[in-house]
N, C-alpha and C. Protein backbone atom coordinates (compact mmCIF):
# COMPACT_ATOMS: atom_id res chain seq x y z
N MET A 1 4.87 3.81 1.74
CA MET A 1 5.13 2.57 1.02
C MET A 1 5.12 2.88 -0.46
N CYS A 2 6.19 2.53 -1.19
CA CYS A 2 6.25 2.83 -2.61
C CYS A 2 6.24 1.58 -3.47
N SER A 3 6.33 0.39 -2.88
CA SER A 3 6.26 -0.86 -3.64
C SER A 3 5.45 -1.88 -2.86
N ALA A 4 4.75 -2.75 -3.59
CA ALA A 4 3.98 -3.80 -2.95
C ALA A 4 4.00 -5.03 -3.84
N ALA A 5 3.94 -6.22 -3.22
CA ALA A 5 3.91 -7.47 -3.98
C ALA A 5 2.84 -8.37 -3.38
N ILE A 6 2.10 -9.05 -4.25
CA ILE A 6 1.05 -9.97 -3.83
C ILE A 6 1.30 -11.32 -4.51
N LYS A 7 1.29 -12.38 -3.72
CA LYS A 7 1.47 -13.72 -4.26
C LYS A 7 0.17 -14.50 -4.12
N ILE A 8 -0.32 -15.06 -5.23
CA ILE A 8 -1.50 -15.92 -5.23
C ILE A 8 -1.12 -17.19 -5.97
N GLY A 9 -1.15 -18.30 -5.26
CA GLY A 9 -0.66 -19.55 -5.85
C GLY A 9 0.82 -19.43 -6.12
N ASP A 10 1.22 -19.67 -7.36
CA ASP A 10 2.64 -19.56 -7.73
C ASP A 10 2.95 -18.25 -8.43
N ASP A 11 1.97 -17.36 -8.55
CA ASP A 11 2.16 -16.11 -9.28
C ASP A 11 2.37 -14.94 -8.33
N ILE A 12 3.21 -14.00 -8.76
CA ILE A 12 3.50 -12.80 -7.96
C ILE A 12 3.25 -11.56 -8.80
N LEU A 13 2.44 -10.65 -8.26
CA LEU A 13 2.23 -9.34 -8.86
C LEU A 13 2.98 -8.32 -8.01
N GLU A 14 3.85 -7.56 -8.64
CA GLU A 14 4.62 -6.53 -7.96
C GLU A 14 4.30 -5.18 -8.56
N ILE A 15 4.07 -4.18 -7.71
CA ILE A 15 3.66 -2.85 -8.15
C ILE A 15 4.60 -1.82 -7.55
N ARG A 16 5.00 -0.87 -8.35
CA ARG A 16 5.84 0.23 -7.87
C ARG A 16 5.12 1.54 -8.12
N GLY A 17 5.00 2.37 -7.09
CA GLY A 17 4.34 3.66 -7.23
C GLY A 17 5.23 4.65 -7.92
N GLY A 18 4.63 5.72 -8.42
CA GLY A 18 5.39 6.77 -9.08
C GLY A 18 4.56 7.46 -10.14
N VAL A 19 4.70 8.78 -10.25
CA VAL A 19 3.91 9.54 -11.21
C VAL A 19 4.37 9.28 -12.63
N GLU A 20 5.67 9.41 -12.87
CA GLU A 20 6.19 9.27 -14.22
C GLU A 20 6.58 7.83 -14.55
N ASP A 21 6.54 6.96 -13.58
CA ASP A 21 7.09 5.62 -13.77
C ASP A 21 6.13 4.57 -13.22
N ARG A 22 4.93 4.48 -13.76
CA ARG A 22 3.96 3.48 -13.33
C ARG A 22 4.40 2.12 -13.86
N ARG A 23 4.96 1.32 -12.98
CA ARG A 23 5.53 0.05 -13.41
C ARG A 23 4.99 -1.10 -12.57
N TYR A 24 4.85 -2.26 -13.19
CA TYR A 24 4.41 -3.46 -12.49
C TYR A 24 5.04 -4.68 -13.16
N TRP A 25 5.14 -5.75 -12.39
CA TRP A 25 5.73 -6.98 -12.88
C TRP A 25 4.83 -8.16 -12.51
N VAL A 26 4.70 -9.12 -13.39
CA VAL A 26 4.02 -10.37 -13.09
C VAL A 26 5.05 -11.47 -13.24
N ASN A 27 5.35 -12.15 -12.11
CA ASN A 27 6.37 -13.19 -12.08
C ASN A 27 7.72 -12.67 -12.60
N GLY A 28 8.04 -11.44 -12.21
CA GLY A 28 9.34 -10.86 -12.57
C GLY A 28 9.42 -10.28 -13.96
N VAL A 29 8.35 -10.40 -14.75
CA VAL A 29 8.34 -9.86 -16.11
C VAL A 29 7.57 -8.55 -16.11
N GLU A 30 8.22 -7.48 -16.57
CA GLU A 30 7.58 -6.17 -16.54
C GLU A 30 6.41 -6.11 -17.51
N GLY A 31 5.30 -5.52 -17.06
CA GLY A 31 4.11 -5.39 -17.89
C GLY A 31 4.16 -4.17 -18.78
N LYS A 32 3.12 -4.03 -19.58
CA LYS A 32 3.03 -2.89 -20.49
C LYS A 32 2.92 -1.60 -19.70
N ARG A 33 3.50 -0.53 -20.25
CA ARG A 33 3.41 0.77 -19.60
C ARG A 33 2.01 1.34 -19.73
N PHE A 34 1.58 2.12 -18.76
CA PHE A 34 0.25 2.69 -18.77
C PHE A 34 0.06 3.68 -19.90
N ARG A 35 1.15 4.25 -20.40
CA ARG A 35 1.00 5.23 -21.47
C ARG A 35 0.41 4.58 -22.73
N ALA A 36 0.59 3.26 -22.87
CA ALA A 36 0.11 2.56 -24.06
C ALA A 36 -1.37 2.27 -24.00
N SER A 37 -1.91 2.14 -22.80
CA SER A 37 -3.33 1.82 -22.65
C SER A 37 -3.80 2.26 -21.27
N ARG A 38 -5.06 2.62 -21.17
CA ARG A 38 -5.60 3.04 -19.88
C ARG A 38 -6.33 1.91 -19.16
N ASN A 39 -6.44 0.74 -19.78
CA ASN A 39 -7.19 -0.36 -19.18
C ASN A 39 -6.59 -1.68 -19.64
N LEU A 40 -5.83 -2.35 -18.78
CA LEU A 40 -5.09 -3.54 -19.17
C LEU A 40 -5.50 -4.75 -18.32
N PRO A 41 -5.93 -5.86 -18.96
CA PRO A 41 -6.27 -7.06 -18.20
C PRO A 41 -5.03 -7.89 -17.88
N PHE A 42 -5.10 -8.71 -16.85
CA PHE A 42 -4.02 -9.63 -16.51
C PHE A 42 -4.60 -10.80 -15.73
N THR A 43 -3.79 -11.83 -15.50
CA THR A 43 -4.21 -12.99 -14.73
C THR A 43 -3.14 -13.31 -13.71
N ILE A 44 -3.55 -13.61 -12.48
CA ILE A 44 -2.62 -14.00 -11.42
C ILE A 44 -3.25 -15.10 -10.58
N GLY A 45 -2.54 -16.20 -10.45
CA GLY A 45 -3.04 -17.33 -9.66
C GLY A 45 -4.38 -17.85 -10.15
N GLY A 46 -4.63 -17.73 -11.44
CA GLY A 46 -5.90 -18.18 -12.00
C GLY A 46 -7.04 -17.19 -11.87
N HIS A 47 -6.76 -16.02 -11.30
CA HIS A 47 -7.80 -15.00 -11.12
C HIS A 47 -7.57 -13.84 -12.09
N HIS A 48 -8.65 -13.31 -12.60
CA HIS A 48 -8.57 -12.18 -13.52
C HIS A 48 -8.32 -10.88 -12.75
N GLY A 49 -7.65 -9.96 -13.41
CA GLY A 49 -7.40 -8.66 -12.83
C GLY A 49 -7.40 -7.60 -13.89
N ARG A 50 -7.31 -6.34 -13.45
CA ARG A 50 -7.32 -5.24 -14.39
C ARG A 50 -6.52 -4.07 -13.83
N PHE A 51 -5.66 -3.49 -14.69
CA PHE A 51 -4.93 -2.27 -14.37
C PHE A 51 -5.67 -1.10 -15.00
N ARG A 52 -5.73 0.01 -14.29
CA ARG A 52 -6.40 1.18 -14.85
C ARG A 52 -5.71 2.45 -14.38
N ALA A 53 -5.37 3.32 -15.33
CA ALA A 53 -4.84 4.63 -14.99
C ALA A 53 -6.03 5.55 -14.78
N VAL A 54 -6.31 5.89 -13.52
CA VAL A 54 -7.49 6.69 -13.19
C VAL A 54 -7.30 8.13 -13.63
N ASN A 55 -6.15 8.69 -13.31
CA ASN A 55 -5.81 10.04 -13.73
C ASN A 55 -4.30 10.17 -13.78
N ARG A 56 -3.80 11.39 -13.86
CA ARG A 56 -2.35 11.60 -14.00
C ARG A 56 -1.56 10.97 -12.86
N PHE A 57 -2.12 11.00 -11.63
CA PHE A 57 -1.39 10.52 -10.47
C PHE A 57 -1.83 9.14 -10.00
N LEU A 58 -3.11 8.83 -10.16
CA LEU A 58 -3.70 7.65 -9.53
C LEU A 58 -3.85 6.48 -10.50
N SER A 59 -3.31 5.32 -10.08
CA SER A 59 -3.49 4.08 -10.82
C SER A 59 -4.18 3.07 -9.92
N GLN A 60 -4.96 2.19 -10.51
CA GLN A 60 -5.68 1.18 -9.73
C GLN A 60 -5.43 -0.20 -10.31
N TYR A 61 -5.12 -1.14 -9.42
CA TYR A 61 -4.89 -2.53 -9.78
C TYR A 61 -5.91 -3.36 -9.00
N ARG A 62 -6.72 -4.15 -9.68
CA ARG A 62 -7.75 -4.92 -8.98
C ARG A 62 -7.69 -6.38 -9.39
N ILE A 63 -7.68 -7.25 -8.38
CA ILE A 63 -7.70 -8.70 -8.60
C ILE A 63 -9.06 -9.22 -8.15
N TYR A 64 -9.76 -9.91 -9.04
CA TYR A 64 -11.12 -10.38 -8.76
C TYR A 64 -11.06 -11.80 -8.20
N LEU A 65 -11.34 -11.93 -6.90
CA LEU A 65 -11.35 -13.22 -6.22
C LEU A 65 -12.79 -13.75 -6.15
N PRO A 66 -12.96 -15.04 -5.77
CA PRO A 66 -14.32 -15.59 -5.66
C PRO A 66 -15.15 -14.86 -4.61
N ASN A 67 -16.45 -14.92 -4.74
CA ASN A 67 -17.41 -14.35 -3.78
C ASN A 67 -17.23 -12.84 -3.62
N HIS A 68 -16.83 -12.17 -4.70
CA HIS A 68 -16.70 -10.70 -4.72
C HIS A 68 -15.64 -10.19 -3.74
N GLN A 69 -14.70 -11.05 -3.34
CA GLN A 69 -13.63 -10.63 -2.44
C GLN A 69 -12.44 -10.17 -3.29
N ASN A 70 -12.46 -8.90 -3.63
CA ASN A 70 -11.44 -8.36 -4.51
C ASN A 70 -10.28 -7.75 -3.73
N VAL A 71 -9.09 -7.80 -4.34
CA VAL A 71 -7.93 -7.09 -3.81
C VAL A 71 -7.74 -5.86 -4.68
N THR A 72 -7.73 -4.68 -4.07
CA THR A 72 -7.56 -3.43 -4.81
C THR A 72 -6.32 -2.71 -4.31
N ILE A 73 -5.41 -2.41 -5.22
CA ILE A 73 -4.21 -1.65 -4.89
C ILE A 73 -4.28 -0.32 -5.64
N LYS A 74 -4.18 0.77 -4.92
CA LYS A 74 -4.16 2.09 -5.54
C LYS A 74 -2.78 2.70 -5.38
N SER A 75 -2.24 3.20 -6.47
CA SER A 75 -0.95 3.87 -6.47
C SER A 75 -1.18 5.35 -6.74
N ASN A 76 -0.87 6.18 -5.75
CA ASN A 76 -1.05 7.62 -5.87
C ASN A 76 0.30 8.28 -5.67
N LYS A 77 0.89 8.74 -6.76
CA LYS A 77 2.27 9.24 -6.74
C LYS A 77 3.16 8.11 -6.22
N ASN A 78 3.87 8.32 -5.11
CA ASN A 78 4.75 7.26 -4.60
C ASN A 78 4.13 6.48 -3.44
N MET A 79 2.86 6.69 -3.18
CA MET A 79 2.19 6.01 -2.09
C MET A 79 1.31 4.89 -2.63
N LEU A 80 1.28 3.77 -1.91
CA LEU A 80 0.43 2.64 -2.29
C LEU A 80 -0.56 2.35 -1.17
N ARG A 81 -1.76 1.95 -1.56
CA ARG A 81 -2.78 1.57 -0.61
C ARG A 81 -3.35 0.23 -1.05
N VAL A 82 -3.51 -0.71 -0.11
CA VAL A 82 -4.04 -2.04 -0.40
C VAL A 82 -5.33 -2.24 0.37
N ASP A 83 -6.39 -2.64 -0.33
CA ASP A 83 -7.69 -2.90 0.29
C ASP A 83 -8.16 -4.30 -0.07
N LEU A 84 -8.84 -4.96 0.88
CA LEU A 84 -9.54 -6.21 0.63
C LEU A 84 -11.03 -5.89 0.63
N ASP A 85 -11.67 -6.02 -0.52
CA ASP A 85 -13.09 -5.67 -0.64
C ASP A 85 -13.96 -6.87 -0.27
N ASP A 86 -14.88 -6.66 0.69
CA ASP A 86 -15.83 -7.69 1.12
C ASP A 86 -15.14 -8.97 1.59
N ALA A 87 -13.98 -8.83 2.21
CA ALA A 87 -13.25 -10.00 2.70
C ALA A 87 -13.99 -10.63 3.88
N THR A 88 -13.91 -11.97 3.99
CA THR A 88 -14.60 -12.68 5.07
C THR A 88 -13.60 -13.27 6.05
N ILE A 89 -14.06 -13.50 7.26
CA ILE A 89 -13.22 -14.12 8.29
C ILE A 89 -12.82 -15.52 7.85
N ALA A 90 -13.71 -16.22 7.18
CA ALA A 90 -13.42 -17.59 6.74
C ALA A 90 -12.18 -17.65 5.85
N ASP A 91 -12.02 -16.65 4.97
CA ASP A 91 -10.91 -16.66 4.03
C ASP A 91 -9.69 -15.88 4.50
N PHE A 92 -9.90 -14.85 5.33
CA PHE A 92 -8.79 -13.96 5.69
C PHE A 92 -8.60 -13.79 7.20
N GLY A 93 -9.36 -14.52 8.01
CA GLY A 93 -9.29 -14.35 9.45
C GLY A 93 -7.93 -14.66 10.04
N TRP A 94 -7.13 -15.46 9.34
CA TRP A 94 -5.80 -15.85 9.84
C TRP A 94 -4.73 -14.81 9.49
N SER A 95 -5.08 -13.80 8.69
CA SER A 95 -4.09 -12.87 8.14
C SER A 95 -3.38 -12.08 9.24
N ARG A 96 -2.07 -11.97 9.09
CA ARG A 96 -1.23 -11.18 9.99
C ARG A 96 -0.16 -10.48 9.15
N GLY A 97 0.45 -9.46 9.70
CA GLY A 97 1.53 -8.78 8.99
C GLY A 97 1.45 -7.28 9.16
N LEU A 98 2.10 -6.54 8.25
CA LEU A 98 2.20 -5.09 8.37
C LEU A 98 0.87 -4.37 8.20
N MET A 99 -0.13 -5.04 7.63
CA MET A 99 -1.45 -4.41 7.51
C MET A 99 -2.26 -4.59 8.79
N GLY A 100 -1.70 -5.28 9.77
CA GLY A 100 -2.42 -5.51 11.02
C GLY A 100 -3.30 -6.74 10.93
N SER A 101 -3.84 -7.17 12.05
CA SER A 101 -4.68 -8.36 12.08
C SER A 101 -6.00 -8.08 11.38
N PHE A 102 -6.56 -9.12 10.77
CA PHE A 102 -7.80 -8.95 10.02
C PHE A 102 -8.95 -8.56 10.94
N GLY A 103 -9.73 -7.60 10.50
CA GLY A 103 -10.91 -7.19 11.26
C GLY A 103 -10.67 -6.02 12.19
N ASP A 104 -9.65 -6.13 13.04
CA ASP A 104 -9.42 -5.07 14.03
C ASP A 104 -8.15 -4.25 13.78
N GLY A 105 -7.28 -4.72 12.88
CA GLY A 105 -6.10 -3.95 12.53
C GLY A 105 -5.06 -3.83 13.63
N LEU A 106 -5.10 -4.72 14.62
CA LEU A 106 -4.12 -4.67 15.70
C LEU A 106 -2.73 -5.02 15.18
N MET A 107 -1.71 -4.36 15.72
CA MET A 107 -0.33 -4.63 15.32
C MET A 107 0.18 -5.82 16.14
N ILE A 108 -0.04 -7.01 15.61
CA ILE A 108 0.29 -8.25 16.31
C ILE A 108 1.60 -8.82 15.78
N GLY A 109 2.45 -9.29 16.69
CA GLY A 109 3.75 -9.82 16.34
C GLY A 109 3.69 -11.17 15.66
N ARG A 110 4.85 -11.67 15.33
CA ARG A 110 4.94 -12.95 14.61
C ARG A 110 4.45 -14.13 15.45
N ASP A 111 4.38 -13.97 16.77
CA ASP A 111 3.91 -15.07 17.61
C ASP A 111 2.38 -15.17 17.63
N ASN A 112 1.71 -14.24 16.89
CA ASN A 112 0.24 -14.21 16.80
C ASN A 112 -0.44 -13.89 18.13
N ARG A 113 0.30 -13.36 19.09
CA ARG A 113 -0.27 -13.04 20.39
C ARG A 113 0.09 -11.63 20.86
N THR A 114 1.36 -11.28 20.72
CA THR A 114 1.86 -10.02 21.28
C THR A 114 1.37 -8.81 20.47
N VAL A 115 0.74 -7.87 21.16
CA VAL A 115 0.31 -6.62 20.51
C VAL A 115 1.43 -5.59 20.68
N ILE A 116 1.89 -5.03 19.57
CA ILE A 116 2.99 -4.06 19.57
C ILE A 116 2.40 -2.69 19.29
N ASN A 117 2.62 -1.75 20.20
CA ASN A 117 2.00 -0.43 20.08
C ASN A 117 2.87 0.60 19.38
N GLU A 118 4.17 0.32 19.26
CA GLU A 118 5.10 1.29 18.67
C GLU A 118 5.30 0.93 17.19
N PRO A 119 4.92 1.83 16.25
CA PRO A 119 4.96 1.50 14.82
C PRO A 119 6.33 1.07 14.30
N ASN A 120 7.41 1.75 14.71
CA ASN A 120 8.73 1.37 14.22
C ASN A 120 9.12 -0.02 14.70
N GLU A 121 8.79 -0.33 15.95
CA GLU A 121 9.07 -1.67 16.49
C GLU A 121 8.26 -2.72 15.73
N PHE A 122 7.02 -2.39 15.41
CA PHE A 122 6.16 -3.30 14.67
C PHE A 122 6.72 -3.57 13.28
N GLY A 123 7.22 -2.50 12.62
CA GLY A 123 7.82 -2.67 11.30
C GLY A 123 9.04 -3.57 11.34
N GLN A 124 9.90 -3.39 12.35
CA GLN A 124 11.07 -4.25 12.50
C GLN A 124 10.67 -5.70 12.75
N GLU A 125 9.59 -5.88 13.51
CA GLU A 125 9.11 -7.23 13.81
C GLU A 125 8.77 -8.00 12.54
N TRP A 126 8.20 -7.30 11.55
CA TRP A 126 7.75 -7.96 10.33
C TRP A 126 8.70 -7.80 9.15
N GLN A 127 9.96 -7.40 9.43
CA GLN A 127 10.96 -7.38 8.36
C GLN A 127 11.08 -8.79 7.78
N VAL A 128 11.18 -8.88 6.46
CA VAL A 128 11.32 -10.19 5.81
C VAL A 128 12.62 -10.84 6.28
N LEU A 129 12.52 -12.08 6.73
CA LEU A 129 13.68 -12.80 7.23
C LEU A 129 14.47 -13.42 6.08
N SER A 130 15.73 -13.71 6.35
CA SER A 130 16.57 -14.33 5.32
C SER A 130 16.10 -15.74 4.98
N THR A 131 15.31 -16.34 5.85
CA THR A 131 14.79 -17.69 5.62
C THR A 131 13.46 -17.69 4.86
N GLU A 132 12.90 -16.51 4.60
CA GLU A 132 11.61 -16.40 3.93
C GLU A 132 11.78 -16.07 2.45
N PRO A 133 10.81 -16.46 1.62
CA PRO A 133 10.92 -16.19 0.17
C PRO A 133 10.84 -14.70 -0.13
N GLN A 134 11.55 -14.27 -1.15
CA GLN A 134 11.54 -12.88 -1.59
C GLN A 134 10.47 -12.71 -2.68
N LEU A 135 9.60 -11.74 -2.52
CA LEU A 135 8.54 -11.51 -3.49
C LEU A 135 8.92 -10.47 -4.54
N PHE A 136 9.88 -9.60 -4.21
CA PHE A 136 10.26 -8.54 -5.14
C PHE A 136 11.37 -9.01 -6.07
N HIS A 137 11.33 -8.54 -7.32
CA HIS A 137 12.30 -9.01 -8.30
C HIS A 137 13.67 -8.37 -8.11
N GLU A 138 13.74 -7.27 -7.36
CA GLU A 138 15.00 -6.63 -7.05
C GLU A 138 15.15 -6.48 -5.54
N VAL A 139 16.35 -6.73 -5.04
CA VAL A 139 16.62 -6.54 -3.62
C VAL A 139 16.95 -5.08 -3.38
N ASP A 140 16.26 -4.47 -2.40
CA ASP A 140 16.45 -3.05 -2.14
C ASP A 140 16.54 -2.81 -0.64
N GLY A 141 17.52 -2.03 -0.23
CA GLY A 141 17.64 -1.68 1.18
C GLY A 141 18.26 -2.78 2.01
N PRO A 142 18.42 -2.54 3.31
CA PRO A 142 19.02 -3.54 4.21
C PRO A 142 18.19 -4.83 4.22
N GLN A 143 18.90 -5.94 4.22
CA GLN A 143 18.25 -7.25 4.26
C GLN A 143 18.62 -7.96 5.56
N HIS A 144 17.66 -8.73 6.08
CA HIS A 144 17.90 -9.51 7.30
C HIS A 144 19.14 -10.39 7.11
N PRO A 145 20.03 -10.48 8.12
CA PRO A 145 19.84 -10.07 9.52
C PRO A 145 20.12 -8.60 9.83
N GLN A 146 20.52 -7.81 8.84
CA GLN A 146 20.67 -6.37 9.06
C GLN A 146 19.28 -5.76 9.25
N THR A 147 19.12 -4.87 10.22
CA THR A 147 17.81 -4.31 10.51
C THR A 147 17.47 -3.18 9.54
N CYS A 148 16.18 -2.88 9.43
CA CYS A 148 15.71 -1.79 8.58
C CYS A 148 16.27 -0.46 9.07
N THR A 149 16.46 0.47 8.15
CA THR A 149 16.99 1.79 8.49
C THR A 149 15.84 2.71 8.89
N MET A 150 15.95 3.29 10.06
CA MET A 150 14.92 4.21 10.54
C MET A 150 15.23 5.63 10.06
N PRO A 151 14.20 6.43 9.71
CA PRO A 151 14.44 7.81 9.26
C PRO A 151 15.03 8.66 10.37
N MET A 152 15.93 9.56 9.99
CA MET A 152 16.56 10.46 10.95
C MET A 152 15.61 11.61 11.26
N SER A 153 15.63 12.06 12.50
CA SER A 153 14.83 13.21 12.91
C SER A 153 15.51 14.49 12.43
N GLN A 154 14.75 15.36 11.77
CA GLN A 154 15.30 16.61 11.25
C GLN A 154 14.43 17.77 11.74
N PRO A 155 14.75 18.33 12.92
CA PRO A 155 13.93 19.38 13.52
C PRO A 155 13.71 20.59 12.60
N GLU A 156 14.76 21.04 11.91
CA GLU A 156 14.63 22.22 11.06
C GLU A 156 13.65 21.95 9.92
N GLU A 157 13.76 20.78 9.31
CA GLU A 157 12.85 20.42 8.23
C GLU A 157 11.43 20.30 8.75
N ALA A 158 11.28 19.74 9.95
CA ALA A 158 9.95 19.60 10.55
C ALA A 158 9.31 20.97 10.77
N ARG A 159 10.12 21.93 11.24
CA ARG A 159 9.58 23.27 11.47
C ARG A 159 9.17 23.93 10.16
N ARG A 160 9.97 23.72 9.11
CA ARG A 160 9.63 24.31 7.81
C ARG A 160 8.33 23.72 7.28
N LEU A 161 8.18 22.40 7.40
CA LEU A 161 6.97 21.75 6.93
C LEU A 161 5.74 22.21 7.71
N LEU A 162 5.94 22.47 9.00
CA LEU A 162 4.83 22.95 9.82
C LEU A 162 4.33 24.30 9.31
N LEU A 163 5.26 25.17 8.92
CA LEU A 163 4.88 26.48 8.42
C LEU A 163 4.18 26.39 7.07
N ASP A 164 4.61 25.43 6.24
CA ASP A 164 4.07 25.30 4.89
C ASP A 164 2.93 24.29 4.80
N SER A 165 2.53 23.73 5.92
CA SER A 165 1.60 22.60 5.89
C SER A 165 0.19 23.02 5.51
N ILE A 166 -0.55 22.04 5.00
CA ILE A 166 -1.95 22.22 4.63
C ILE A 166 -2.79 22.29 5.91
N SER A 167 -3.73 23.21 5.94
CA SER A 167 -4.59 23.34 7.11
C SER A 167 -5.58 22.18 7.17
N ARG A 168 -6.09 21.92 8.37
CA ARG A 168 -7.06 20.84 8.53
C ARG A 168 -8.33 21.13 7.72
N SER A 169 -8.76 22.38 7.69
CA SER A 169 -9.99 22.71 6.96
C SER A 169 -9.82 22.45 5.46
N ASP A 170 -8.63 22.75 4.92
CA ASP A 170 -8.37 22.47 3.51
C ASP A 170 -8.32 20.97 3.26
N ALA A 171 -7.71 20.22 4.20
CA ALA A 171 -7.65 18.77 4.07
C ALA A 171 -9.05 18.16 4.12
N GLU A 172 -9.89 18.69 5.01
CA GLU A 172 -11.25 18.18 5.13
C GLU A 172 -12.04 18.42 3.84
N GLU A 173 -11.82 19.57 3.24
CA GLU A 173 -12.51 19.88 1.98
C GLU A 173 -12.05 18.95 0.87
N ALA A 174 -10.74 18.69 0.80
CA ALA A 174 -10.20 17.79 -0.23
C ALA A 174 -10.73 16.38 -0.04
N CYS A 175 -10.98 15.99 1.21
CA CYS A 175 -11.40 14.62 1.52
C CYS A 175 -12.91 14.42 1.45
N ALA A 176 -13.61 15.37 0.84
CA ALA A 176 -15.06 15.20 0.64
C ALA A 176 -15.35 13.99 -0.24
N VAL A 177 -14.35 13.53 -1.00
CA VAL A 177 -14.53 12.37 -1.88
C VAL A 177 -14.50 11.06 -1.11
N ALA A 178 -14.00 11.08 0.12
CA ALA A 178 -13.83 9.85 0.92
C ALA A 178 -15.15 9.42 1.54
N SER A 179 -15.26 8.12 1.83
CA SER A 179 -16.44 7.61 2.52
C SER A 179 -16.41 8.05 3.98
N ARG A 180 -17.54 7.94 4.66
CA ARG A 180 -17.61 8.35 6.07
C ARG A 180 -16.60 7.58 6.92
N ASP A 181 -16.44 6.28 6.66
CA ASP A 181 -15.54 5.45 7.46
C ASP A 181 -14.08 5.80 7.25
N GLU A 182 -13.74 6.34 6.08
CA GLU A 182 -12.34 6.59 5.75
C GLU A 182 -11.98 8.07 5.77
N TRP A 183 -12.94 8.91 6.07
CA TRP A 183 -12.73 10.35 5.99
C TRP A 183 -11.59 10.82 6.89
N GLU A 184 -11.55 10.37 8.13
CA GLU A 184 -10.51 10.81 9.06
C GLU A 184 -9.14 10.33 8.60
N ASP A 185 -9.06 9.10 8.06
CA ASP A 185 -7.79 8.60 7.53
C ASP A 185 -7.32 9.46 6.36
N CYS A 186 -8.26 9.86 5.52
CA CYS A 186 -7.93 10.71 4.38
C CYS A 186 -7.37 12.04 4.85
N VAL A 187 -8.02 12.67 5.81
CA VAL A 187 -7.57 13.96 6.33
C VAL A 187 -6.15 13.82 6.90
N PHE A 188 -5.92 12.74 7.64
CA PHE A 188 -4.60 12.51 8.22
C PHE A 188 -3.54 12.39 7.12
N ASP A 189 -3.83 11.59 6.07
CA ASP A 189 -2.85 11.37 5.00
C ASP A 189 -2.54 12.66 4.25
N VAL A 190 -3.55 13.46 3.97
CA VAL A 190 -3.33 14.72 3.27
C VAL A 190 -2.44 15.64 4.09
N MET A 191 -2.71 15.72 5.40
CA MET A 191 -1.91 16.60 6.25
C MET A 191 -0.51 16.03 6.49
N ALA A 192 -0.41 14.71 6.64
CA ALA A 192 0.89 14.09 6.91
C ALA A 192 1.83 14.20 5.71
N THR A 193 1.29 14.08 4.50
CA THR A 193 2.12 14.17 3.30
C THR A 193 2.21 15.59 2.76
N ASN A 194 1.35 16.50 3.32
CA ASN A 194 1.29 17.88 2.83
C ASN A 194 1.00 17.92 1.34
N ASP A 195 0.07 17.05 0.93
CA ASP A 195 -0.23 16.89 -0.49
C ASP A 195 -1.74 16.69 -0.67
N MET A 196 -2.41 17.66 -1.27
CA MET A 196 -3.85 17.56 -1.47
C MET A 196 -4.23 16.42 -2.40
N ASP A 197 -3.33 16.04 -3.30
CA ASP A 197 -3.63 14.96 -4.24
C ASP A 197 -3.80 13.61 -3.56
N MET A 198 -3.32 13.48 -2.32
CA MET A 198 -3.47 12.21 -1.61
C MET A 198 -4.93 11.85 -1.40
N ALA A 199 -5.82 12.85 -1.41
CA ALA A 199 -7.24 12.58 -1.22
C ALA A 199 -7.79 11.68 -2.32
N GLY A 200 -7.16 11.72 -3.50
CA GLY A 200 -7.61 10.90 -4.62
C GLY A 200 -7.55 9.42 -4.34
N THR A 201 -6.68 9.01 -3.42
CA THR A 201 -6.57 7.60 -3.07
C THR A 201 -7.86 7.08 -2.43
N TYR A 202 -8.62 7.97 -1.84
CA TYR A 202 -9.83 7.58 -1.14
C TYR A 202 -11.09 7.76 -1.99
N ALA A 203 -10.93 8.16 -3.25
CA ALA A 203 -12.08 8.38 -4.12
C ALA A 203 -12.75 7.06 -4.50
């Protein structure tokens, strides 16, 4: 995932990942570049937030909600990670979508009942419909009713990556910064992307 958008009230925060191009928009208006400042405040839906360039690759966007329920978005190179800190069932128990159901992370369909076990099918299920509002300021890629484009299988490339891939022991060492609960996810991401810097997302 290289872009994410969050809507709170009538305000929309949009974030695009990238090493050389750390960009974000609030209600379609591009914000200040990170090169100008390492710590930038903002407001969305009446809630305070803060942008921070953690290091060369990692940026952090945090929205401070009531009762310490913060939304934290980390951008590491072209990958984005979204976390709900101290979220409660009372406020988020109804949540559904590509992040999975709240609490258990099950891939539940739009009918709020069907559990979908195949990731590509789950992604197609939650494609934004033409009848739903658009959160991103630019339209990118196939739009409903056209289906999302699935990546092509490339056996030769897969074999090359396997030969050049990071070992599990190296990934485990890089993920020493991760918490116990997230350590296995960190190891998976480092090996899947073949990028040791991905461990920084879990710091």
